[in-house]
């Protein structure tokens, strides 16, 4: 069943290096990466989603199957669709927020397939190619090349941003002053 689902989801097991041209290339198969890829494809873009392993959905499909919901009315868009589809997988007409990882991954694969996203797995970023500060292509460790008009880094680590030289900050210290302002405290 898994093989059939992966084939119908546009899963392309890469044996040899390939060259892929896309409108949008999403690097990172996290739930955010899946959502970005689905959204772009639904807007008519040709989308390539690259995963570093052979699973999609990140933490959501890897064991974090209990969602801190709070106010369910605040969940909309593709996230609401995901939870509704998970509910359908369990035979419920309602969204389901507690689920098994395999159900989450199957749901993500179905969403990718339905949107026409092409999924590439087991690929590690090796290098990036910039022209006038614009990212033009990324090269994987196996030699595969992905060229796109737009790139999205949906990894948890920011691997693509870092290799492309994008300025970024990590950790809480850099944002401490913003939290003070948001709480109404203007003192040091």
N, C-alpha and C. Protein backbone atom coordinates (compact mmCIF):
# COMPACT_ATOMS: atom_id res chain seq x y z
N UNK A 1 0.82 -1.19 0.00
CA UNK A 1 0.00 0.00 0.00
C UNK A 1 0.87 1.26 0.00
N UNK A 2 1.96 1.26 0.82
CA UNK A 2 2.82 2.45 0.88
C UNK A 2 3.41 2.78 -0.48
N UNK A 3 3.88 1.75 -1.21
CA UNK A 3 4.48 2.00 -2.51
C UNK A 3 3.47 2.61 -3.46
N UNK A 4 2.25 2.08 -3.47
CA UNK A 4 1.21 2.63 -4.34
C UNK A 4 0.90 4.07 -3.97
N UNK A 5 0.83 4.36 -2.67
CA UNK A 5 0.54 5.71 -2.22
C UNK A 5 1.67 6.66 -2.61
N UNK A 6 2.91 6.21 -2.45
CA UNK A 6 4.05 7.06 -2.80
C UNK A 6 4.12 7.31 -4.29
N UNK A 7 3.81 6.30 -5.11
CA UNK A 7 3.84 6.48 -6.56
C UNK A 7 2.73 7.44 -6.99
N UNK A 8 1.54 7.28 -6.42
CA UNK A 8 0.44 8.17 -6.81
C UNK A 8 0.65 9.57 -6.27
N UNK A 9 1.48 9.74 -5.26
CA UNK A 9 1.73 11.07 -4.70
C UNK A 9 2.81 11.81 -5.47
N UNK A 10 3.25 11.28 -6.60
CA UNK A 10 4.29 11.94 -7.36
C UNK A 10 5.67 11.70 -6.79
N UNK A 11 5.80 10.73 -5.92
CA UNK A 11 7.08 10.37 -5.29
C UNK A 11 8.02 9.87 -6.37
N UNK A 12 9.18 10.48 -6.45
CA UNK A 12 10.15 10.08 -7.46
C UNK A 12 11.42 9.64 -6.75
N UNK A 13 11.63 8.31 -6.63
CA UNK A 13 12.88 7.86 -6.03
C UNK A 13 14.03 8.12 -7.01
N UNK A 14 14.96 8.95 -6.63
CA UNK A 14 16.04 9.33 -7.53
C UNK A 14 17.19 8.34 -7.38
N UNK A 15 17.55 7.74 -8.48
CA UNK A 15 18.68 6.81 -8.51
C UNK A 15 19.93 7.52 -9.04
N UNK A 16 19.74 8.35 -10.03
CA UNK A 16 20.85 9.09 -10.62
C UNK A 16 20.52 10.58 -10.53
N UNK A 17 21.55 11.39 -10.63
CA UNK A 17 21.35 12.84 -10.57
C UNK A 17 20.43 13.30 -11.68
N UNK A 18 19.57 14.25 -11.36
CA UNK A 18 18.62 14.80 -12.33
C UNK A 18 18.73 16.32 -12.32
N UNK A 19 18.17 16.93 -13.35
CA UNK A 19 18.03 18.38 -13.39
C UNK A 19 16.54 18.66 -13.43
N UNK A 20 16.07 19.45 -12.47
CA UNK A 20 14.65 19.75 -12.35
C UNK A 20 14.46 21.26 -12.45
N UNK A 21 13.57 21.67 -13.33
CA UNK A 21 13.18 23.07 -13.44
C UNK A 21 11.76 23.21 -12.91
N UNK A 22 11.55 24.17 -12.01
CA UNK A 22 10.25 24.37 -11.40
C UNK A 22 10.01 25.86 -11.20
N UNK A 23 8.76 26.21 -11.01
CA UNK A 23 8.44 27.59 -10.64
C UNK A 23 8.86 27.84 -9.20
N UNK A 24 8.52 26.87 -8.33
CA UNK A 24 8.81 26.97 -6.90
C UNK A 24 9.48 25.68 -6.45
N UNK A 25 10.57 25.82 -5.71
CA UNK A 25 11.26 24.68 -5.12
C UNK A 25 11.21 24.85 -3.61
N UNK A 26 10.60 23.89 -2.94
CA UNK A 26 10.51 23.91 -1.48
C UNK A 26 11.52 22.90 -0.95
N UNK A 27 12.46 23.38 -0.15
CA UNK A 27 13.46 22.49 0.45
C UNK A 27 13.07 22.27 1.91
N UNK A 28 12.64 21.05 2.21
CA UNK A 28 12.24 20.69 3.56
C UNK A 28 10.84 20.12 3.57
N UNK A 29 10.72 18.87 3.97
CA UNK A 29 9.44 18.18 3.96
C UNK A 29 8.68 18.30 5.26
N UNK A 30 8.91 19.35 6.02
CA UNK A 30 8.17 19.58 7.26
C UNK A 30 6.71 19.85 6.94
N UNK A 31 5.87 19.93 7.95
CA UNK A 31 4.47 20.25 7.68
C UNK A 31 4.36 21.62 7.02
N UNK A 32 5.22 22.55 7.40
CA UNK A 32 5.25 23.85 6.74
C UNK A 32 5.67 23.75 5.29
N UNK A 33 6.61 22.86 5.00
CA UNK A 33 7.05 22.64 3.62
C UNK A 33 5.95 22.04 2.77
N UNK A 34 5.25 21.05 3.33
CA UNK A 34 4.12 20.45 2.60
C UNK A 34 3.06 21.50 2.34
N UNK A 35 2.74 22.28 3.35
CA UNK A 35 1.71 23.32 3.21
C UNK A 35 2.11 24.36 2.17
N UNK A 36 3.36 24.80 2.19
CA UNK A 36 3.83 25.78 1.21
C UNK A 36 3.77 25.21 -0.20
N UNK A 37 4.18 23.94 -0.35
CA UNK A 37 4.17 23.30 -1.67
C UNK A 37 2.75 23.16 -2.20
N UNK A 38 1.83 22.72 -1.35
CA UNK A 38 0.43 22.57 -1.74
C UNK A 38 -0.16 23.92 -2.12
N UNK A 39 0.08 24.94 -1.31
CA UNK A 39 -0.45 26.28 -1.59
C UNK A 39 0.05 26.81 -2.93
N UNK A 40 1.35 26.67 -3.18
CA UNK A 40 1.92 27.17 -4.44
C UNK A 40 1.35 26.40 -5.64
N UNK A 41 1.23 25.09 -5.50
CA UNK A 41 0.69 24.29 -6.61
C UNK A 41 -0.76 24.66 -6.90
N UNK A 42 -1.52 24.92 -5.87
CA UNK A 42 -2.92 25.31 -6.05
C UNK A 42 -3.06 26.68 -6.70
N UNK A 43 -1.98 27.45 -6.64
CA UNK A 43 -1.95 28.75 -7.34
C UNK A 43 -1.46 28.61 -8.77
N UNK A 44 -1.31 27.37 -9.23
CA UNK A 44 -0.91 27.12 -10.60
C UNK A 44 0.58 27.01 -10.85
N UNK A 45 1.36 26.97 -9.80
CA UNK A 45 2.81 26.87 -9.94
C UNK A 45 3.24 25.41 -10.10
N UNK A 46 4.32 25.20 -10.85
CA UNK A 46 4.96 23.90 -10.95
C UNK A 46 5.90 23.80 -9.75
N UNK A 47 5.64 22.85 -8.84
CA UNK A 47 6.33 22.81 -7.55
C UNK A 47 7.11 21.52 -7.37
N UNK A 48 8.36 21.66 -6.92
CA UNK A 48 9.19 20.53 -6.51
C UNK A 48 9.39 20.63 -5.01
N UNK A 49 9.08 19.55 -4.29
CA UNK A 49 9.31 19.48 -2.85
C UNK A 49 10.43 18.49 -2.60
N UNK A 50 11.48 18.97 -1.92
CA UNK A 50 12.65 18.14 -1.64
C UNK A 50 12.69 17.80 -0.15
N UNK A 51 12.78 16.50 0.14
CA UNK A 51 12.89 16.02 1.53
C UNK A 51 14.26 15.42 1.73
N UNK A 52 14.83 15.64 2.91
CA UNK A 52 16.15 15.09 3.20
C UNK A 52 16.09 13.60 3.53
N UNK A 53 14.90 13.10 3.86
CA UNK A 53 14.72 11.67 4.11
C UNK A 53 13.54 11.19 3.25
N UNK A 54 12.97 10.05 3.59
CA UNK A 54 11.87 9.54 2.77
C UNK A 54 10.51 9.70 3.44
N UNK A 55 10.38 10.72 4.27
CA UNK A 55 9.11 11.00 4.94
C UNK A 55 8.75 12.46 4.76
N UNK A 56 7.44 12.72 4.74
CA UNK A 56 6.95 14.10 4.70
C UNK A 56 6.17 14.38 5.98
N UNK A 57 6.10 15.64 6.35
CA UNK A 57 5.29 16.04 7.48
C UNK A 57 6.04 16.43 8.73
N UNK A 58 7.35 16.27 8.73
CA UNK A 58 8.15 16.69 9.87
C UNK A 58 7.66 16.10 11.18
N UNK A 59 7.66 16.91 12.22
CA UNK A 59 7.26 16.45 13.54
C UNK A 59 5.82 15.97 13.58
N UNK A 60 4.96 16.59 12.78
CA UNK A 60 3.55 16.21 12.77
C UNK A 60 3.36 14.76 12.36
N UNK A 61 4.19 14.29 11.45
CA UNK A 61 4.09 12.91 10.96
C UNK A 61 5.17 12.00 11.56
N UNK A 62 5.83 12.48 12.60
CA UNK A 62 6.91 11.70 13.20
C UNK A 62 6.72 11.45 14.68
N UNK A 63 5.51 11.62 15.17
CA UNK A 63 5.27 11.29 16.56
C UNK A 63 4.63 12.39 17.38
N UNK A 64 4.60 13.61 16.87
CA UNK A 64 3.94 14.70 17.58
C UNK A 64 2.49 14.74 17.11
N UNK A 65 1.71 13.76 17.54
CA UNK A 65 0.36 13.57 17.04
C UNK A 65 -0.73 14.13 17.92
N UNK A 66 -0.37 14.98 18.86
CA UNK A 66 -1.36 15.65 19.69
C UNK A 66 -1.17 17.14 19.47
N UNK A 67 -2.20 17.78 18.95
CA UNK A 67 -2.12 19.20 18.63
C UNK A 67 -2.70 20.03 19.77
N UNK A 68 -1.94 21.00 20.26
CA UNK A 68 -2.46 21.94 21.24
C UNK A 68 -3.39 22.90 20.50
N UNK A 69 -4.66 22.64 20.59
CA UNK A 69 -5.62 23.34 19.75
C UNK A 69 -6.01 24.69 20.30
N UNK A 70 -6.40 24.76 21.55
CA UNK A 70 -6.92 26.02 22.06
C UNK A 70 -8.27 26.30 21.44
N UNK A 71 -8.38 27.38 20.71
CA UNK A 71 -9.62 27.77 20.05
C UNK A 71 -9.63 27.19 18.63
N UNK A 72 -10.45 26.18 18.39
CA UNK A 72 -10.46 25.54 17.07
C UNK A 72 -10.93 26.49 15.97
N UNK A 73 -11.65 27.54 16.33
CA UNK A 73 -12.10 28.51 15.34
C UNK A 73 -10.93 29.30 14.75
N UNK A 74 -9.78 29.26 15.44
CA UNK A 74 -8.61 30.00 14.94
C UNK A 74 -7.84 29.22 13.89
N UNK A 75 -8.20 27.96 13.67
CA UNK A 75 -7.50 27.12 12.70
C UNK A 75 -8.24 27.21 11.37
N UNK A 76 -7.54 27.66 10.34
CA UNK A 76 -8.17 27.82 9.03
C UNK A 76 -7.24 27.38 7.92
N UNK A 77 -7.67 27.60 6.70
CA UNK A 77 -6.87 27.33 5.53
C UNK A 77 -6.45 25.88 5.38
N UNK A 78 -5.23 25.69 4.93
CA UNK A 78 -4.72 24.35 4.66
C UNK A 78 -4.57 23.55 5.95
N UNK A 79 -4.30 24.21 7.07
CA UNK A 79 -4.22 23.50 8.35
C UNK A 79 -5.58 22.89 8.70
N UNK A 80 -6.65 23.66 8.53
CA UNK A 80 -7.99 23.14 8.81
C UNK A 80 -8.32 21.98 7.87
N UNK A 81 -7.90 22.11 6.63
CA UNK A 81 -8.11 21.03 5.67
C UNK A 81 -7.39 19.77 6.12
N UNK A 82 -6.14 19.92 6.58
CA UNK A 82 -5.38 18.77 7.05
C UNK A 82 -6.12 18.05 8.18
N UNK A 83 -6.54 18.79 9.21
CA UNK A 83 -7.22 18.17 10.35
C UNK A 83 -8.56 17.54 9.94
N UNK A 84 -9.24 18.15 8.99
CA UNK A 84 -10.49 17.56 8.49
C UNK A 84 -10.22 16.26 7.75
N UNK A 85 -9.16 16.24 6.95
CA UNK A 85 -8.80 15.02 6.22
C UNK A 85 -8.35 13.91 7.18
N UNK A 86 -7.64 14.30 8.24
CA UNK A 86 -7.26 13.32 9.25
C UNK A 86 -8.53 12.74 9.88
N UNK A 87 -9.49 13.60 10.18
CA UNK A 87 -10.77 13.13 10.71
C UNK A 87 -11.44 12.14 9.78
N UNK A 88 -11.44 12.44 8.49
CA UNK A 88 -12.03 11.54 7.50
C UNK A 88 -11.31 10.20 7.49
N UNK A 89 -9.99 10.21 7.67
CA UNK A 89 -9.23 8.96 7.70
C UNK A 89 -9.66 8.07 8.87
N UNK A 90 -10.15 8.69 9.92
CA UNK A 90 -10.65 7.94 11.07
C UNK A 90 -12.17 7.74 11.01
N UNK A 91 -12.79 8.12 9.89
CA UNK A 91 -14.23 7.94 9.74
C UNK A 91 -15.07 8.99 10.44
N UNK A 92 -14.47 10.12 10.74
CA UNK A 92 -15.18 11.19 11.43
C UNK A 92 -15.50 12.33 10.46
N UNK A 93 -16.64 12.95 10.66
CA UNK A 93 -17.00 14.12 9.86
C UNK A 93 -16.39 15.39 10.46
N UNK A 94 -15.77 15.26 11.62
CA UNK A 94 -15.16 16.40 12.31
C UNK A 94 -13.64 16.35 12.21
N UNK A 95 -13.00 17.50 12.33
CA UNK A 95 -11.53 17.50 12.37
C UNK A 95 -11.03 16.68 13.57
N UNK A 96 -9.90 16.03 13.40
CA UNK A 96 -9.28 15.25 14.48
C UNK A 96 -7.90 15.84 14.75
N UNK A 97 -7.63 16.13 16.02
CA UNK A 97 -6.39 16.78 16.41
C UNK A 97 -5.42 15.85 17.14
N UNK A 98 -5.86 14.63 17.45
CA UNK A 98 -5.00 13.60 18.03
C UNK A 98 -4.95 12.47 17.03
N UNK A 99 -3.77 12.14 16.53
CA UNK A 99 -3.69 11.17 15.43
C UNK A 99 -2.37 10.43 15.46
N UNK A 100 -2.34 9.35 14.69
CA UNK A 100 -1.13 8.55 14.55
C UNK A 100 -0.24 9.17 13.47
N UNK A 101 1.08 9.07 13.63
CA UNK A 101 1.99 9.63 12.63
C UNK A 101 1.74 9.11 11.22
N UNK A 102 1.45 7.82 11.08
CA UNK A 102 1.24 7.25 9.75
C UNK A 102 0.02 7.88 9.07
N UNK A 103 -1.00 8.20 9.84
CA UNK A 103 -2.19 8.84 9.28
C UNK A 103 -1.86 10.26 8.83
N UNK A 104 -1.06 10.96 9.61
CA UNK A 104 -0.64 12.31 9.22
C UNK A 104 0.16 12.27 7.93
N UNK A 105 1.12 11.33 7.83
CA UNK A 105 1.94 11.25 6.63
C UNK A 105 1.10 10.87 5.41
N UNK A 106 0.21 9.92 5.56
CA UNK A 106 -0.68 9.55 4.45
C UNK A 106 -1.51 10.74 4.00
N UNK A 107 -2.00 11.50 4.96
CA UNK A 107 -2.80 12.69 4.64
C UNK A 107 -1.98 13.72 3.88
N UNK A 108 -0.75 13.98 4.35
CA UNK A 108 0.12 14.91 3.64
C UNK A 108 0.41 14.43 2.22
N UNK A 109 0.69 13.15 2.05
CA UNK A 109 0.96 12.60 0.71
C UNK A 109 -0.25 12.75 -0.20
N UNK A 110 -1.43 12.53 0.32
CA UNK A 110 -2.65 12.71 -0.48
C UNK A 110 -2.83 14.16 -0.90
N UNK A 111 -2.54 15.08 0.01
CA UNK A 111 -2.66 16.50 -0.31
C UNK A 111 -1.65 16.91 -1.37
N UNK A 112 -0.41 16.41 -1.26
CA UNK A 112 0.61 16.70 -2.27
C UNK A 112 0.19 16.15 -3.63
N UNK A 113 -0.29 14.93 -3.65
CA UNK A 113 -0.74 14.31 -4.89
C UNK A 113 -1.89 15.09 -5.51
N UNK A 114 -2.86 15.44 -4.70
CA UNK A 114 -4.02 16.17 -5.19
C UNK A 114 -3.67 17.53 -5.77
N UNK A 115 -2.61 18.14 -5.25
CA UNK A 115 -2.18 19.46 -5.74
C UNK A 115 -1.23 19.36 -6.92
N UNK A 116 -0.72 18.15 -7.19
CA UNK A 116 0.21 17.98 -8.31
C UNK A 116 1.65 18.33 -7.98
N UNK A 117 2.02 18.27 -6.72
CA UNK A 117 3.39 18.56 -6.30
C UNK A 117 4.26 17.33 -6.58
N UNK A 118 5.44 17.55 -7.13
CA UNK A 118 6.39 16.46 -7.35
C UNK A 118 7.31 16.38 -6.14
N UNK A 119 7.40 15.20 -5.55
CA UNK A 119 8.15 14.97 -4.33
C UNK A 119 9.46 14.25 -4.64
N UNK A 120 10.56 14.80 -4.15
CA UNK A 120 11.88 14.20 -4.28
C UNK A 120 12.39 13.90 -2.88
N UNK A 121 12.88 12.68 -2.66
CA UNK A 121 13.26 12.29 -1.31
C UNK A 121 14.73 11.89 -1.22
N UNK A 122 15.19 11.84 0.02
CA UNK A 122 16.56 11.41 0.34
C UNK A 122 17.63 12.24 -0.34
N UNK A 123 17.44 13.55 -0.32
CA UNK A 123 18.39 14.46 -0.96
C UNK A 123 18.90 15.48 0.06
N UNK A 124 20.21 15.60 0.12
CA UNK A 124 20.87 16.55 1.02
C UNK A 124 21.43 17.72 0.22
N UNK A 125 21.21 18.92 0.71
CA UNK A 125 21.73 20.12 0.06
C UNK A 125 23.26 20.13 0.12
N UNK A 126 23.89 20.39 -1.03
CA UNK A 126 25.34 20.46 -1.09
C UNK A 126 25.81 21.89 -1.35
N UNK A 127 25.14 22.59 -2.29
CA UNK A 127 25.58 23.94 -2.62
C UNK A 127 24.44 24.73 -3.25
N UNK A 128 24.65 26.04 -3.32
CA UNK A 128 23.68 26.94 -3.95
C UNK A 128 24.39 27.76 -5.02
N UNK A 129 23.63 28.21 -6.01
CA UNK A 129 24.17 29.08 -7.04
C UNK A 129 23.39 30.39 -7.02
N UNK A 130 24.13 31.49 -6.82
CA UNK A 130 23.54 32.83 -6.77
C UNK A 130 24.01 33.64 -7.97
N UNK A 131 23.14 34.52 -8.43
CA UNK A 131 23.50 35.48 -9.46
C UNK A 131 22.90 36.82 -9.06
N UNK A 132 23.76 37.81 -8.83
CA UNK A 132 23.31 39.12 -8.36
C UNK A 132 22.44 39.00 -7.11
N UNK A 133 22.88 38.21 -6.17
CA UNK A 133 22.20 37.96 -4.90
C UNK A 133 20.87 37.22 -5.03
N UNK A 134 20.57 36.71 -6.21
CA UNK A 134 19.36 35.92 -6.42
C UNK A 134 19.72 34.44 -6.47
N UNK A 135 18.98 33.65 -5.73
CA UNK A 135 19.18 32.21 -5.73
C UNK A 135 18.60 31.64 -7.02
N UNK A 136 19.43 30.98 -7.81
CA UNK A 136 19.00 30.43 -9.10
C UNK A 136 18.83 28.92 -9.08
N UNK A 137 19.72 28.25 -8.36
CA UNK A 137 19.63 26.79 -8.32
C UNK A 137 20.31 26.26 -7.07
N UNK A 138 19.89 25.05 -6.71
CA UNK A 138 20.54 24.34 -5.62
C UNK A 138 21.00 22.99 -6.14
N UNK A 139 22.11 22.55 -5.61
CA UNK A 139 22.68 21.27 -6.01
C UNK A 139 22.70 20.35 -4.80
N UNK A 140 22.27 19.13 -5.02
CA UNK A 140 22.20 18.14 -3.95
C UNK A 140 23.51 17.34 -3.90
N UNK A 141 23.71 16.63 -2.81
CA UNK A 141 24.92 15.84 -2.63
C UNK A 141 25.09 14.78 -3.70
N UNK A 142 23.99 14.30 -4.29
CA UNK A 142 24.10 13.28 -5.35
C UNK A 142 24.31 13.89 -6.73
N UNK A 143 24.39 15.23 -6.81
CA UNK A 143 24.60 15.92 -8.08
C UNK A 143 23.33 16.43 -8.72
N UNK A 144 22.17 16.08 -8.18
CA UNK A 144 20.91 16.59 -8.73
C UNK A 144 20.85 18.10 -8.59
N UNK A 145 20.27 18.74 -9.61
CA UNK A 145 20.19 20.20 -9.64
C UNK A 145 18.72 20.59 -9.72
N UNK A 146 18.34 21.55 -8.89
CA UNK A 146 16.99 22.10 -8.90
C UNK A 146 17.08 23.58 -9.19
N UNK A 147 16.44 23.99 -10.30
CA UNK A 147 16.38 25.40 -10.68
C UNK A 147 14.95 25.87 -10.50
N UNK A 148 14.78 27.08 -9.98
CA UNK A 148 13.44 27.60 -9.77
C UNK A 148 13.46 29.12 -9.75
N UNK A 149 12.27 29.68 -9.96
CA UNK A 149 12.11 31.13 -9.87
C UNK A 149 12.06 31.56 -8.41
N UNK A 150 11.51 30.67 -7.57
CA UNK A 150 11.38 30.95 -6.14
C UNK A 150 11.78 29.72 -5.34
N UNK A 151 12.49 29.96 -4.24
CA UNK A 151 12.87 28.89 -3.33
C UNK A 151 12.29 29.18 -1.96
N UNK A 152 11.87 28.13 -1.28
CA UNK A 152 11.37 28.24 0.09
C UNK A 152 12.19 27.29 0.95
N UNK A 153 12.77 27.82 2.02
CA UNK A 153 13.47 26.98 2.98
C UNK A 153 12.47 26.62 4.07
N UNK A 154 12.02 25.37 4.06
CA UNK A 154 11.06 24.89 5.04
C UNK A 154 11.69 23.86 5.98
N UNK A 155 13.01 23.92 6.11
CA UNK A 155 13.69 23.05 7.06
C UNK A 155 13.56 23.65 8.45
N UNK A 156 13.76 22.85 9.45
CA UNK A 156 13.77 23.37 10.81
C UNK A 156 15.06 24.13 11.09
N UNK A 157 16.11 23.78 10.37
CA UNK A 157 17.44 24.34 10.65
C UNK A 157 17.80 25.55 9.82
N UNK A 158 17.08 25.83 8.74
CA UNK A 158 17.41 26.95 7.87
C UNK A 158 18.62 26.68 7.00
N UNK A 159 18.81 25.42 6.60
CA UNK A 159 19.98 25.03 5.81
C UNK A 159 20.13 25.82 4.51
N UNK A 160 19.05 25.96 3.78
CA UNK A 160 19.10 26.66 2.50
C UNK A 160 19.41 28.14 2.71
N UNK A 161 18.76 28.77 3.67
CA UNK A 161 19.03 30.19 3.95
C UNK A 161 20.50 30.40 4.30
N UNK A 162 21.02 29.53 5.14
CA UNK A 162 22.41 29.68 5.57
C UNK A 162 23.37 29.57 4.38
N UNK A 163 23.16 28.56 3.53
CA UNK A 163 24.06 28.39 2.37
C UNK A 163 23.90 29.53 1.37
N UNK A 164 22.72 30.12 1.31
CA UNK A 164 22.50 31.22 0.37
C UNK A 164 22.99 32.55 0.93
N UNK A 165 23.45 32.55 2.17
CA UNK A 165 24.00 33.77 2.76
C UNK A 165 22.95 34.72 3.29
N UNK A 166 21.75 34.21 3.54
CA UNK A 166 20.69 35.05 4.09
C UNK A 166 21.01 35.37 5.54
N UNK A 167 20.87 36.63 5.92
CA UNK A 167 21.10 37.03 7.29
C UNK A 167 19.93 36.56 8.14
N UNK A 168 20.24 35.92 9.25
CA UNK A 168 19.19 35.45 10.13
C UNK A 168 19.70 35.40 11.57
N UNK A 169 18.78 35.28 12.48
CA UNK A 169 19.10 35.20 13.90
C UNK A 169 18.43 33.97 14.47
N UNK A 170 19.08 33.31 15.41
CA UNK A 170 18.45 32.17 16.07
C UNK A 170 18.52 32.38 17.56
N UNK A 171 17.65 31.73 18.27
CA UNK A 171 17.61 31.85 19.71
C UNK A 171 16.71 32.97 20.16
N UNK A 172 16.47 33.04 21.44
CA UNK A 172 15.53 34.00 21.99
C UNK A 172 16.18 35.33 22.36
N UNK A 173 17.46 35.35 22.59
CA UNK A 173 18.11 36.57 23.07
C UNK A 173 17.91 37.76 22.14
N UNK A 174 18.00 37.54 20.85
CA UNK A 174 17.90 38.63 19.90
C UNK A 174 16.51 39.26 19.87
N UNK A 175 15.50 38.53 20.32
CA UNK A 175 14.12 39.02 20.25
C UNK A 175 13.59 39.48 21.60
N UNK A 176 14.44 39.45 22.60
CA UNK A 176 14.01 39.79 23.95
C UNK A 176 13.42 41.19 24.02
N UNK A 177 14.02 42.14 23.33
CA UNK A 177 13.51 43.51 23.36
C UNK A 177 12.11 43.60 22.75
N UNK A 178 11.81 42.81 21.76
CA UNK A 178 10.48 42.81 21.16
C UNK A 178 9.45 42.26 22.14
N UNK A 179 9.83 41.23 22.88
CA UNK A 179 8.91 40.66 23.86
C UNK A 179 8.62 41.67 24.97
N UNK A 180 9.63 42.45 25.37
CA UNK A 180 9.41 43.48 26.41
C UNK A 180 8.42 44.51 25.90
N UNK A 181 8.58 44.95 24.67
CA UNK A 181 7.68 45.94 24.10
C UNK A 181 6.27 45.39 23.99
N UNK A 182 6.15 44.13 23.54
CA UNK A 182 4.83 43.51 23.39
C UNK A 182 4.12 43.39 24.73
N UNK A 183 4.88 43.21 25.82
CA UNK A 183 4.27 43.10 27.15
C UNK A 183 4.03 44.49 27.76
N UNK A 184 4.43 45.53 27.07
CA UNK A 184 4.22 46.88 27.58
C UNK A 184 5.32 47.37 28.50
N UNK A 185 6.41 46.65 28.60
CA UNK A 185 7.52 47.03 29.47
C UNK A 185 8.60 47.71 28.62
N UNK A 186 8.81 48.97 28.84
CA UNK A 186 9.82 49.69 28.07
C UNK A 186 11.11 49.85 28.87
N UNK A 187 11.20 49.17 30.01
CA UNK A 187 12.39 49.30 30.85
C UNK A 187 13.40 48.21 30.52
N UNK A 188 14.63 48.46 30.86
CA UNK A 188 15.70 47.47 30.63
C UNK A 188 15.80 46.59 31.81
